[in-house]
């Protein structure tokens, strides 16, 4: 018998654009408010709520997460401190890892942010 996946509408692959943090230094040598610049890189991934285990693990390290994004493809495209944008939602990357180190997919641990700008 062929397996029929139970897919909820809206939970399939979505396109995420990557914005990279741009640190700037003023004329006097002090760091100023940073911004994010579009890197013209993107990837397809599936967005899911973070498990309670992951939420507690990252909270202990001082980095609260709300979601995980599983990237389709092996090459890591985003890194910590990047901003992932999908439609009108923004996600701040706290960590990335490759499950089982076989490089078939990347998992990004992210926090949904309502106060982030592009």
Protein backbone atom coordinates (compact mmCIF):
# COMPACT_ATOMS: atom_id res chain seq x y z
CA UNK A 1 0.00 0.00 0.00
CA UNK A 2 1.28 3.45 -0.89
CA UNK A 3 1.82 5.86 1.98
CA UNK A 4 -0.42 8.93 1.86
CA UNK A 5 1.18 11.85 3.72
CA UNK A 6 -0.98 13.82 6.13
CA UNK A 7 -0.08 17.36 5.09
CA UNK A 8 -1.79 20.36 6.60
CA UNK A 9 -2.29 23.25 4.16
CA UNK A 10 0.50 25.80 4.56
CA UNK A 11 2.98 23.40 6.18
CA UNK A 12 4.91 22.42 3.07
CA UNK A 13 8.15 23.93 1.69
CA UNK A 14 8.46 27.70 1.92
CA UNK A 15 11.08 30.05 0.53
CA UNK A 16 13.26 31.82 3.11
CA UNK A 17 15.40 34.84 2.19
CA UNK A 18 18.61 35.37 4.14
CA UNK A 19 19.53 38.78 5.54
CA UNK A 20 22.99 39.21 7.03
CA UNK A 21 23.85 41.42 9.99
CA UNK A 22 25.83 44.52 9.03
CA UNK A 23 27.89 45.97 11.87
CA UNK A 24 28.86 49.57 11.46
CA UNK A 25 31.32 51.77 13.30
CA UNK A 26 30.90 55.50 13.69
CA UNK A 27 33.58 58.04 12.84
CA UNK A 28 34.57 58.13 16.50
CA UNK A 29 35.14 54.36 16.47
CA UNK A 30 32.04 53.34 18.42
CA UNK A 31 29.66 50.64 17.23
CA UNK A 32 26.35 52.00 16.01
CA UNK A 33 22.93 50.44 15.63
CA UNK A 34 23.32 47.57 13.21
CA UNK A 35 21.09 46.73 10.29
CA UNK A 36 20.44 43.76 8.04
CA UNK A 37 21.30 43.60 4.35
CA UNK A 38 19.82 41.25 1.77
CA UNK A 39 22.35 38.63 0.68
CA UNK A 40 20.35 37.56 -2.40
CA UNK A 41 20.60 33.99 -1.06
CA UNK A 42 17.55 31.91 -0.24
CA UNK A 43 16.57 28.33 0.45
CA UNK A 44 13.49 26.15 0.72
CA UNK A 45 12.59 24.76 4.10
CA UNK A 46 9.82 23.53 6.36
CA UNK A 47 8.89 25.59 9.41
CA UNK A 48 7.83 23.80 12.62
CA UNK A 49 7.39 24.67 16.26
CA UNK A 50 10.42 23.85 18.36
CA UNK A 51 10.23 20.85 20.65
CA UNK A 52 10.05 21.46 24.39
CA UNK A 53 13.51 19.85 24.76
CA UNK A 54 15.08 22.29 22.26
CA UNK A 55 13.29 25.27 23.83
CA UNK A 56 14.68 24.41 27.28
CA UNK A 57 18.17 23.71 25.92
CA UNK A 58 18.45 27.06 24.18
CA UNK A 59 16.79 28.92 27.06
CA UNK A 60 19.50 27.64 29.42
CA UNK A 61 22.11 29.17 27.11
CA UNK A 62 20.27 32.50 27.06
CA UNK A 63 18.93 32.13 23.53
CA UNK A 64 15.17 31.55 23.50
CA UNK A 65 13.86 29.80 20.39
CA UNK A 66 10.30 29.35 19.15
CA UNK A 67 10.66 27.40 15.89
CA UNK A 68 12.90 25.10 13.92
CA UNK A 69 13.39 25.29 10.17
CA UNK A 70 14.55 22.23 8.26
CA UNK A 71 16.39 23.28 5.11
CA UNK A 72 16.05 21.22 1.99
CA UNK A 73 19.59 20.44 0.83
CA UNK A 74 22.89 19.83 2.52
CA UNK A 75 24.84 23.05 2.16
CA UNK A 76 24.37 25.42 5.11
CA UNK A 77 23.22 28.78 3.82
CA UNK A 78 22.46 30.71 7.01
CA UNK A 79 24.44 31.12 10.21
CA UNK A 80 23.86 32.41 13.73
CA UNK A 81 22.81 36.09 13.87
CA UNK A 82 21.28 35.95 10.37
CA UNK A 83 17.69 36.94 9.79
CA UNK A 84 15.42 34.65 7.77
CA UNK A 85 12.42 36.26 6.11
CA UNK A 86 9.41 34.31 4.84
CA UNK A 87 6.63 36.57 3.61
CA UNK A 88 5.99 39.09 6.38
CA UNK A 89 7.48 36.92 9.16
CA UNK A 90 11.04 37.28 10.41
CA UNK A 91 13.10 34.67 12.23
CA UNK A 92 16.39 35.30 14.05
CA UNK A 93 18.83 32.37 13.80
CA UNK A 94 20.29 31.23 17.13
CA UNK A 95 21.93 28.04 15.90
CA UNK A 96 22.31 25.60 13.03
CA UNK A 97 23.25 21.96 12.97
CA UNK A 98 23.36 19.02 10.61
CA UNK A 99 21.47 15.99 11.97
CA UNK A 100 23.66 12.91 12.22
CA UNK A 101 26.42 14.84 10.40
CA UNK A 102 25.46 13.25 7.08
CA UNK A 103 24.80 16.58 5.36
CA UNK A 104 21.41 15.74 3.91
CA UNK A 105 19.62 18.64 5.58
CA UNK A 106 20.24 21.55 7.94
CA UNK A 107 18.20 22.41 11.01
CA UNK A 108 18.04 26.05 12.04
CA UNK A 109 16.93 26.93 15.58
CA UNK A 110 15.19 30.29 15.28
CA UNK A 111 13.19 32.81 17.26
CA UNK A 112 10.26 34.54 15.60
CA UNK A 113 10.77 38.28 15.98
CA UNK A 114 8.15 40.96 15.63
CA UNK A 115 10.52 43.85 16.35
CA UNK A 116 13.20 43.09 13.73
CA UNK A 117 13.70 45.25 10.69
CA UNK A 118 15.30 44.44 7.36
